[in-house]
Amino acid sequence: MSISRKIRALLAISGKKQVDLAQYFGMTRQVMNNKLSRESWSAADLIKVADFCDCKIAFICPDGQQIYLSLDDGSEQQKSPDA
């Protein structure tokens, strides 16, 4: 599944609309539609999408450690598997 399809699924799951995501990004609905069509997502964009949908993006290591990416302060948060 492409990143854009996953973003559309995330929007559906969270009850958000593509037009609202466009507004959150400060762009028109058509520009957001083009972004979805072209698959032009940076890591910062994905973090912003997650923030919009009240979700988190994380790297999950084989040992269970998780490193979360957030917009809050630009820093990562680590979580051990035992926490």
PDB file of N, CA and C in Angstrom:
ATOM      1  N   MET A   1       0.843  -1.175   0.000  1.00  0.00           N
ATOM      2  CA  MET A   1       0.000   0.000   0.000  1.00  0.00           C
ATOM      3  C   MET A   1       0.888   1.238   0.000  1.00  0.00           C
ATOM      4  N   SER A   2       0.564   2.201  -0.841  1.00  0.00           N
ATOM      5  CA  SER A   2       1.360   3.423  -0.938  1.00  0.00           C
ATOM      6  C   SER A   2       1.191   4.294   0.308  1.00  0.00           C
ATOM      7  N   ILE A   3       2.111   5.212   0.503  1.00  0.00           N
ATOM      8  CA  ILE A   3       2.030   6.139   1.638  1.00  0.00           C
ATOM      9  C   ILE A   3       0.733   6.938   1.567  1.00  0.00           C
ATOM     10  N   SER A   4       0.381   7.424   0.381  1.00  0.00           N
ATOM     11  CA  SER A   4      -0.837   8.225   0.244  1.00  0.00           C
ATOM     12  C   SER A   4      -2.084   7.413   0.582  1.00  0.00           C
ATOM     13  N   ARG A   5      -2.117   6.160   0.203  1.00  0.00           N
ATOM     14  CA  ARG A   5      -3.264   5.311   0.559  1.00  0.00           C
ATOM     15  C   ARG A   5      -3.320   5.100   2.067  1.00  0.00           C
ATOM     16  N   LYS A   6      -2.173   4.973   2.695  1.00  0.00           N
ATOM     17  CA  LYS A   6      -2.140   4.831   4.149  1.00  0.00           C
ATOM     18  C   LYS A   6      -2.601   6.118   4.823  1.00  0.00           C
ATOM     19  N   ILE A   7      -2.224   7.245   4.267  1.00  0.00           N
ATOM     20  CA  ILE A   7      -2.669   8.523   4.820  1.00  0.00           C
ATOM     21  C   ILE A   7      -4.184   8.656   4.675  1.00  0.00           C
ATOM     22  N   ARG A   8      -4.714   8.277   3.526  1.00  0.00           N
ATOM     23  CA  ARG A   8      -6.168   8.308   3.335  1.00  0.00           C
ATOM     24  C   ARG A   8      -6.876   7.378   4.336  1.00  0.00           C
ATOM     25  N   ALA A   9      -6.292   6.205   4.566  1.00  0.00           N
ATOM     26  CA  ALA A   9      -6.862   5.265   5.535  1.00  0.00           C
ATOM     27  C   ALA A   9      -6.804   5.858   6.939  1.00  0.00           C
ATOM     28  N   LEU A  10      -5.693   6.483   7.278  1.00  0.00           N
ATOM     29  CA  LEU A  10      -5.550   7.115   8.586  1.00  0.00           C
ATOM     30  C   LEU A  10      -6.576   8.224   8.771  1.00  0.00           C
ATOM     31  N   LEU A  11      -6.800   9.007   7.731  1.00  0.00           N
ATOM     32  CA  LEU A  11      -7.825  10.055   7.793  1.00  0.00           C
ATOM     33  C   LEU A  11      -9.199   9.440   8.061  1.00  0.00           C
ATOM     34  N   ALA A  12      -9.503   8.359   7.355  1.00  0.00           N
ATOM     35  CA  ALA A  12     -10.799   7.695   7.531  1.00  0.00           C
ATOM     36  C   ALA A  12     -10.946   7.149   8.950  1.00  0.00           C
ATOM     37  N   ILE A  13      -9.912   6.497   9.451  1.00  0.00           N
ATOM     38  CA  ILE A  13      -9.946   5.912  10.794  1.00  0.00           C
ATOM     39  C   ILE A  13     -10.129   6.990  11.858  1.00  0.00           C
ATOM     40  N   SER A  14      -9.467   8.119  11.652  1.00  0.00           N
ATOM     41  CA  SER A  14      -9.519   9.185  12.660  1.00  0.00           C
ATOM     42  C   SER A  14     -10.704  10.131  12.459  1.00  0.00           C
ATOM     43  N   GLY A  15     -11.504   9.890  11.406  1.00  0.00           N
ATOM     44  CA  GLY A  15     -12.678  10.716  11.168  1.00  0.00           C
ATOM     45  C   GLY A  15     -12.357  12.103  10.651  1.00  0.00           C
ATOM     46  N   LYS A  16     -11.204  12.251  10.032  1.00  0.00           N
ATOM     47  CA  LYS A  16     -10.774  13.546   9.497  1.00  0.00           C
ATOM     48  C   LYS A  16     -10.986  13.564   7.985  1.00  0.00           C
ATOM     49  N   LYS A  17     -11.018  14.759   7.423  1.00  0.00           N
ATOM     50  CA  LYS A  17     -11.235  14.903   5.986  1.00  0.00           C
ATOM     51  C   LYS A  17      -9.996  15.468   5.309  1.00  0.00           C
ATOM     52  N   GLN A  18      -9.844  15.086   4.046  1.00  0.00           N
ATOM     53  CA  GLN A  18      -8.697  15.536   3.257  1.00  0.00           C
ATOM     54  C   GLN A  18      -8.664  17.057   3.152  1.00  0.00           C
ATOM     55  N   VAL A  19      -9.820  17.674   3.019  1.00  0.00           N
ATOM     56  CA  VAL A  19      -9.878  19.134   2.916  1.00  0.00           C
ATOM     57  C   VAL A  19      -9.378  19.788   4.209  1.00  0.00           C
ATOM     58  N   ASP A  20      -9.654  19.167   5.354  1.00  0.00           N
ATOM     59  CA  ASP A  20      -9.171  19.693   6.630  1.00  0.00           C
ATOM     60  C   ASP A  20      -7.659  19.509   6.767  1.00  0.00           C
ATOM     61  N   LEU A  21      -7.150  18.405   6.251  1.00  0.00           N
ATOM     62  CA  LEU A  21      -5.701  18.193   6.241  1.00  0.00           C
ATOM     63  C   LEU A  21      -5.030  19.250   5.375  1.00  0.00           C
ATOM     64  N   ALA A  22      -5.620  19.545   4.230  1.00  0.00           N
ATOM     65  CA  ALA A  22      -5.071  20.582   3.348  1.00  0.00           C
ATOM     66  C   ALA A  22      -5.002  21.916   4.078  1.00  0.00           C
ATOM     67  N   GLN A  23      -6.077  22.249   4.773  1.00  0.00           N
ATOM     68  CA  GLN A  23      -6.112  23.502   5.521  1.00  0.00           C
ATOM     69  C   GLN A  23      -5.050  23.494   6.621  1.00  0.00           C
ATOM     70  N   TYR A  24      -4.873  22.373   7.302  1.00  0.00           N
ATOM     71  CA  TYR A  24      -3.858  22.235   8.348  1.00  0.00           C
ATOM     72  C   TYR A  24      -2.460  22.473   7.776  1.00  0.00           C
ATOM     73  N   PHE A  25      -2.236  22.020   6.541  1.00  0.00           N
ATOM     74  CA  PHE A  25      -0.956  22.212   5.868  1.00  0.00           C
ATOM     75  C   PHE A  25      -0.837  23.609   5.253  1.00  0.00           C
ATOM     76  N   GLY A  26      -1.936  24.366   5.244  1.00  0.00           N
ATOM     77  CA  GLY A  26      -1.918  25.705   4.665  1.00  0.00           C
ATOM     78  C   GLY A  26      -1.946  25.688   3.152  1.00  0.00           C
ATOM     79  N   MET A  27      -2.649  24.715   2.568  1.00  0.00           N
ATOM     80  CA  MET A  27      -2.725  24.607   1.117  1.00  0.00           C
ATOM     81  C   MET A  27      -4.162  24.346   0.695  1.00  0.00           C
ATOM     82  N   THR A  28      -4.412  24.486  -0.592  1.00  0.00           N
ATOM     83  CA  THR A  28      -5.756  24.238  -1.103  1.00  0.00           C
ATOM     84  C   THR A  28      -6.003  22.735  -1.192  1.00  0.00           C
ATOM     85  N   ARG A  29      -7.269  22.388  -1.343  1.00  0.00           N
ATOM     86  CA  ARG A  29      -7.653  20.984  -1.495  1.00  0.00           C
ATOM     87  C   ARG A  29      -6.994  20.381  -2.734  1.00  0.00           C
ATOM     88  N   GLN A  30      -6.915  21.168  -3.818  1.00  0.00           N
ATOM     89  CA  GLN A  30      -6.320  20.675  -5.060  1.00  0.00           C
ATOM     90  C   GLN A  30      -4.819  20.414  -4.900  1.00  0.00           C
ATOM     91  N   VAL A  31      -4.131  21.300  -4.204  1.00  0.00           N
ATOM     92  CA  VAL A  31      -2.692  21.096  -3.977  1.00  0.00           C
ATOM     93  C   VAL A  31      -2.478  19.840  -3.122  1.00  0.00           C
ATOM     94  N   MET A  32      -3.335  19.645  -2.116  1.00  0.00           N
ATOM     95  CA  MET A  32      -3.223  18.429  -1.286  1.00  0.00           C
ATOM     96  C   MET A  32      -3.513  17.194  -2.132  1.00  0.00           C
ATOM     97  N   ASN A  33      -4.499  17.283  -3.001  1.00  0.00           N
ATOM     98  CA  ASN A  33      -4.815  16.159  -3.877  1.00  0.00           C
ATOM     99  C   ASN A  33      -3.620  15.829  -4.778  1.00  0.00           C
ATOM    100  N   ASN A  34      -2.958  16.852  -5.292  1.00  0.00           N
ATOM    101  CA  ASN A  34      -1.755  16.639  -6.110  1.00  0.00           C
ATOM    102  C   ASN A  34      -0.652  15.981  -5.291  1.00  0.00           C
ATOM    103  N   LYS A  35      -0.484  16.413  -4.054  1.00  0.00           N
ATOM    104  CA  LYS A  35       0.535  15.836  -3.170  1.00  0.00           C
ATOM    105  C   LYS A  35       0.255  14.348  -2.942  1.00  0.00           C
ATOM    106  N   LEU A  36      -1.014  14.024  -2.717  1.00  0.00           N
ATOM    107  CA  LEU A  36      -1.406  12.627  -2.536  1.00  0.00           C
ATOM    108  C   LEU A  36      -1.174  11.830  -3.824  1.00  0.00           C
ATOM    109  N   SER A  37      -1.481  12.419  -4.954  1.00  0.00           N
ATOM    110  CA  SER A  37      -1.310  11.726  -6.240  1.00  0.00           C
ATOM    111  C   SER A  37       0.156  11.497  -6.583  1.00  0.00           C
ATOM    112  N   ARG A  38       0.981  12.453  -6.242  1.00  0.00           N
ATOM    113  CA  ARG A  38       2.407  12.378  -6.599  1.00  0.00           C
ATOM    114  C   ARG A  38       3.252  11.653  -5.562  1.00  0.00           C
ATOM    115  N   GLU A  39       2.639  11.317  -4.426  1.00  0.00           N
ATOM    116  CA  GLU A  39       3.390  10.631  -3.364  1.00  0.00           C
ATOM    117  C   GLU A  39       4.576  11.471  -2.894  1.00  0.00           C
ATOM    118  N   SER A  40       4.370  12.763  -2.766  1.00  0.00           N
ATOM    119  CA  SER A  40       5.479  13.658  -2.395  1.00  0.00           C
ATOM    120  C   SER A  40       5.423  13.998  -0.907  1.00  0.00           C
ATOM    121  N   TRP A  41       5.835  13.055  -0.085  1.00  0.00           N
ATOM    122  CA  TRP A  41       5.785  13.200   1.363  1.00  0.00           C
ATOM    123  C   TRP A  41       7.186  13.207   1.961  1.00  0.00           C
ATOM    124  N   SER A  42       7.507  14.241   2.703  1.00  0.00           N
ATOM    125  CA  SER A  42       8.766  14.266   3.450  1.00  0.00           C
ATOM    126  C   SER A  42       8.497  13.675   4.837  1.00  0.00           C
ATOM    127  N   ALA A  43       9.558  13.406   5.563  1.00  0.00           N
ATOM    128  CA  ALA A  43       9.393  12.908   6.934  1.00  0.00           C
ATOM    129  C   ALA A  43       8.647  13.936   7.778  1.00  0.00           C
ATOM    130  N   ALA A  44       8.966  15.209   7.593  1.00  0.00           N
ATOM    131  CA  ALA A  44       8.288  16.269   8.341  1.00  0.00           C
ATOM    132  C   ALA A  44       6.798  16.303   8.007  1.00  0.00           C
ATOM    133  N   ASP A  45       6.459  16.075   6.741  1.00  0.00           N
ATOM    134  CA  ASP A  45       5.045  16.013   6.341  1.00  0.00           C
ATOM    135  C   ASP A  45       4.331  14.882   7.062  1.00  0.00           C
ATOM    136  N   LEU A  46       4.956  13.723   7.123  1.00  0.00           N
ATOM    137  CA  LEU A  46       4.338  12.561   7.770  1.00  0.00           C
ATOM    138  C   LEU A  46       4.132  12.796   9.261  1.00  0.00           C
ATOM    139  N   ILE A  47       5.083  13.456   9.888  1.00  0.00           N
ATOM    140  CA  ILE A  47       4.941  13.800  11.305  1.00  0.00           C
ATOM    141  C   ILE A  47       3.764  14.753  11.476  1.00  0.00           C
ATOM    142  N   LYS A  48       3.629  15.694  10.549  1.00  0.00           N
ATOM    143  CA  LYS A  48       2.527  16.657  10.605  1.00  0.00           C
ATOM    144  C   LYS A  48       1.176  15.964  10.392  1.00  0.00           C
ATOM    145  N   VAL A  49       1.119  15.000   9.477  1.00  0.00           N
ATOM    146  CA  VAL A  49      -0.108  14.227   9.263  1.00  0.00           C
ATOM    147  C   VAL A  49      -0.470  13.472  10.546  1.00  0.00           C
ATOM    148  N   ALA A  50       0.519  12.841  11.158  1.00  0.00           N
ATOM    149  CA  ALA A  50       0.277  12.105  12.404  1.00  0.00           C
ATOM    150  C   ALA A  50      -0.244  13.042  13.483  1.00  0.00           C
ATOM    151  N   ASP A  51       0.349  14.211  13.604  1.00  0.00           N
ATOM    152  CA  ASP A  51      -0.093  15.189  14.588  1.00  0.00           C
ATOM    153  C   ASP A  51      -1.546  15.594  14.318  1.00  0.00           C
ATOM    154  N   PHE A  52      -1.880  15.834  13.063  1.00  0.00           N
ATOM    155  CA  PHE A  52      -3.239  16.211  12.670  1.00  0.00           C
ATOM    156  C   PHE A  52      -4.249  15.131  13.059  1.00  0.00           C
ATOM    157  N   CYS A  53      -3.846  13.880  12.941  1.00  0.00           N
ATOM    158  CA  CYS A  53      -4.739  12.745  13.233  1.00  0.00           C
ATOM    159  C   CYS A  53      -4.626  12.266  14.676  1.00  0.00           C
ATOM    160  N   ASP A  54      -3.922  13.031  15.512  1.00  0.00           N
ATOM    161  CA  ASP A  54      -3.714  12.669  16.917  1.00  0.00           C
ATOM    162  C   ASP A  54      -3.061  11.305  17.056  1.00  0.00           C
ATOM    163  N   CYS A  55      -2.065  11.047  16.202  1.00  0.00           N
ATOM    164  CA  CYS A  55      -1.308   9.790  16.216  1.00  0.00           C
ATOM    165  C   CYS A  55       0.170  10.093  16.437  1.00  0.00           C
ATOM    166  N   LYS A  56       0.955   9.054  16.521  1.00  0.00           N
ATOM    167  CA  LYS A  56       2.404   9.173  16.656  1.00  0.00           C
ATOM    168  C   LYS A  56       3.071   8.333  15.578  1.00  0.00           C
ATOM    169  N   ILE A  57       4.253   8.764  15.188  1.00  0.00           N
ATOM    170  CA  ILE A  57       5.091   7.975  14.291  1.00  0.00           C
ATOM    171  C   ILE A  57       6.271   7.482  15.118  1.00  0.00           C
ATOM    172  N   ALA A  58       6.589   6.208  14.959  1.00  0.00           N
ATOM    173  CA  ALA A  58       7.675   5.641  15.745  1.00  0.00           C
ATOM    174  C   ALA A  58       8.507   4.679  14.915  1.00  0.00           C
ATOM    175  N   PHE A  59       9.792   4.609  15.257  1.00  0.00           N
ATOM    176  CA  PHE A  59      10.655   3.539  14.787  1.00  0.00           C
ATOM    177  C   PHE A  59      10.600   2.483  15.877  1.00  0.00           C
ATOM    178  N   ILE A  60      10.267   1.254  15.511  1.00  0.00           N
ATOM    179  CA  ILE A  60      10.176   0.176  16.493  1.00  0.00           C
ATOM    180  C   ILE A  60      11.307  -0.807  16.208  1.00  0.00           C
ATOM    181  N   CYS A  61      12.227  -0.893  17.156  1.00  0.00           N
ATOM    182  CA  CYS A  61      13.419  -1.724  16.998  1.00  0.00           C
ATOM    183  C   CYS A  61      13.094  -3.181  17.300  1.00  0.00           C
ATOM    184  N   PRO A  62      13.948  -4.097  16.818  1.00  0.00           N
ATOM    185  CA  PRO A  62      13.711  -5.524  17.075  1.00  0.00           C
ATOM    186  C   PRO A  62      13.613  -5.874  18.559  1.00  0.00           C
ATOM    187  N   ASP A  63      14.318  -5.119  19.412  1.00  0.00           N
ATOM    188  CA  ASP A  63      14.264  -5.404  20.848  1.00  0.00           C
ATOM    189  C   ASP A  63      13.051  -4.766  21.532  1.00  0.00           C
ATOM    190  N   GLY A  64      12.210  -4.088  20.752  1.00  0.00           N
ATOM    191  CA  GLY A  64      11.000  -3.492  21.297  1.00  0.00           C
ATOM    192  C   GLY A  64      11.113  -2.023  21.646  1.00  0.00           C
ATOM    193  N   GLN A  65      12.336  -1.484  21.627  1.00  0.00           N
ATOM    194  CA  GLN A  65      12.482  -0.054  21.892  1.00  0.00           C
ATOM    195  C   GLN A  65      11.764   0.735  20.806  1.00  0.00           C
ATOM    196  N   GLN A  66      11.186   1.864  21.215  1.00  0.00           N
ATOM    197  CA  GLN A  66      10.454   2.704  20.284  1.00  0.00           C
ATOM    198  C   GLN A  66      11.003   4.125  20.359  1.00  0.00           C
ATOM    199  N   ILE A  67      11.221   4.718  19.208  1.00  0.00           N
ATOM    200  CA  ILE A  67      11.656   6.113  19.124  1.00  0.00           C
ATOM    201  C   ILE A  67      10.553   6.866  18.396  1.00  0.00           C
ATOM    202  N   TYR A  68       9.899   7.784  19.108  1.00  0.00           N
ATOM    203  CA  TYR A  68       8.786   8.541  18.549  1.00  0.00           C
ATOM    204  C   TYR A  68       9.282   9.842  17.920  1.00  0.00           C
ATOM    205  N   LEU A  69       8.676  10.199  16.828  1.00  0.00           N
ATOM    206  CA  LEU A  69       8.951  11.473  16.176  1.00  0.00           C
ATOM    207  C   LEU A  69       7.772  12.386  16.440  1.00  0.00           C
ATOM    208  N   SER A  70       8.058  13.663  16.763  1.00  0.00           N
ATOM    209  CA  SER A  70       6.962  14.573  17.066  1.00  0.00           C
ATOM    210  C   SER A  70       7.269  15.986  16.605  1.00  0.00           C
ATOM    211  N   LEU A  71       6.232  16.786  16.529  1.00  0.00           N
ATOM    212  CA  LEU A  71       6.372  18.199  16.183  1.00  0.00           C
ATOM    213  C   LEU A  71       6.623  19.055  17.413  1.00  0.00           C
ATOM    214  N   ASP A  72       6.334  18.520  18.591  1.00  0.00           N
ATOM    215  CA  ASP A  72       6.348  19.309  19.822  1.00  0.00           C
ATOM    216  C   ASP A  72       7.576  20.194  19.971  1.00  0.00           C
ATOM    217  N   ASP A  73       8.729  19.574  20.022  1.00  0.00           N
ATOM    218  CA  ASP A  73       9.948  20.363  20.209  1.00  0.00           C
ATOM    219  C   ASP A  73      11.051  19.953  19.240  1.00  0.00           C
ATOM    220  N   GLY A  74      10.698  19.158  18.266  1.00  0.00           N
ATOM    221  CA  GLY A  74      11.680  18.730  17.283  1.00  0.00           C
ATOM    222  C   GLY A  74      12.575  17.603  17.746  1.00  0.00           C
ATOM    223  N   SER A  75      12.383  17.123  18.955  1.00  0.00           N
ATOM    224  CA  SER A  75      13.235  16.057  19.460  1.00  0.00           C
ATOM    225  C   SER A  75      12.478  14.736  19.474  1.00  0.00           C
ATOM    226  N   GLU A  76      13.222  13.684  19.530  1.00  0.00           N
ATOM    227  CA  GLU A  76      12.632  12.354  19.568  1.00  0.00           C
ATOM    228  C   GLU A  76      12.427  11.941  21.013  1.00  0.00           C
ATOM    229  N   GLN A  77      11.500  11.068  21.252  1.00  0.00           N
ATOM    230  CA  GLN A  77      11.259  10.510  22.571  1.00  0.00           C
ATOM    231  C   GLN A  77      11.500   9.010  22.486  1.00  0.00           C
ATOM    232  N   GLN A  78      12.277   8.483  23.444  1.00  0.00           N
ATOM    233  CA  GLN A  78      12.551   7.052  23.444  1.00  0.00           C
ATOM    234  C   GLN A  78      11.689   6.376  24.491  1.00  0.00           C
ATOM    235  N   LYS A  79      11.306   5.159  24.180  1.00  0.00           N
ATOM    236  CA  LYS A  79      10.537   4.348  25.128  1.00  0.00           C
ATOM    237  C   LYS A  79      11.082   2.931  25.062  1.00  0.00           C
ATOM    238  N   SER A  80      11.418   2.425  26.206  1.00  0.00           N
ATOM    239  CA  SER A  80      11.930   1.056  26.236  1.00  0.00           C
ATOM    240  C   SER A  80      10.766   0.090  26.251  1.00  0.00           C
ATOM    241  N   PRO A  81      11.004  -1.168  25.880  1.00  0.00           N
ATOM    242  CA  PRO A  81       9.912  -2.147  25.856  1.00  0.00           C
ATOM    243  C   PRO A  81       9.347  -2.442  27.239  1.00  0.00           C
ATOM    244  N   ASP A  82      10.098  -2.153  28.304  1.00  0.00           N
ATOM    245  CA  ASP A  82       9.650  -2.436  29.665  1.00  0.00           C
ATOM    246  C   ASP A  82       8.831  -1.293  30.263  1.00  0.00           C
ATOM    247  N   ALA A  83       8.815  -0.139  29.591  1.00  0.00           N
ATOM    248  CA  ALA A  83       8.132   1.040  30.151  1.00  0.00           C
ATOM    249  C   ALA A  83       6.651   0.977  29.912  1.00  0.00           C
TER     250      ALA A  83
END
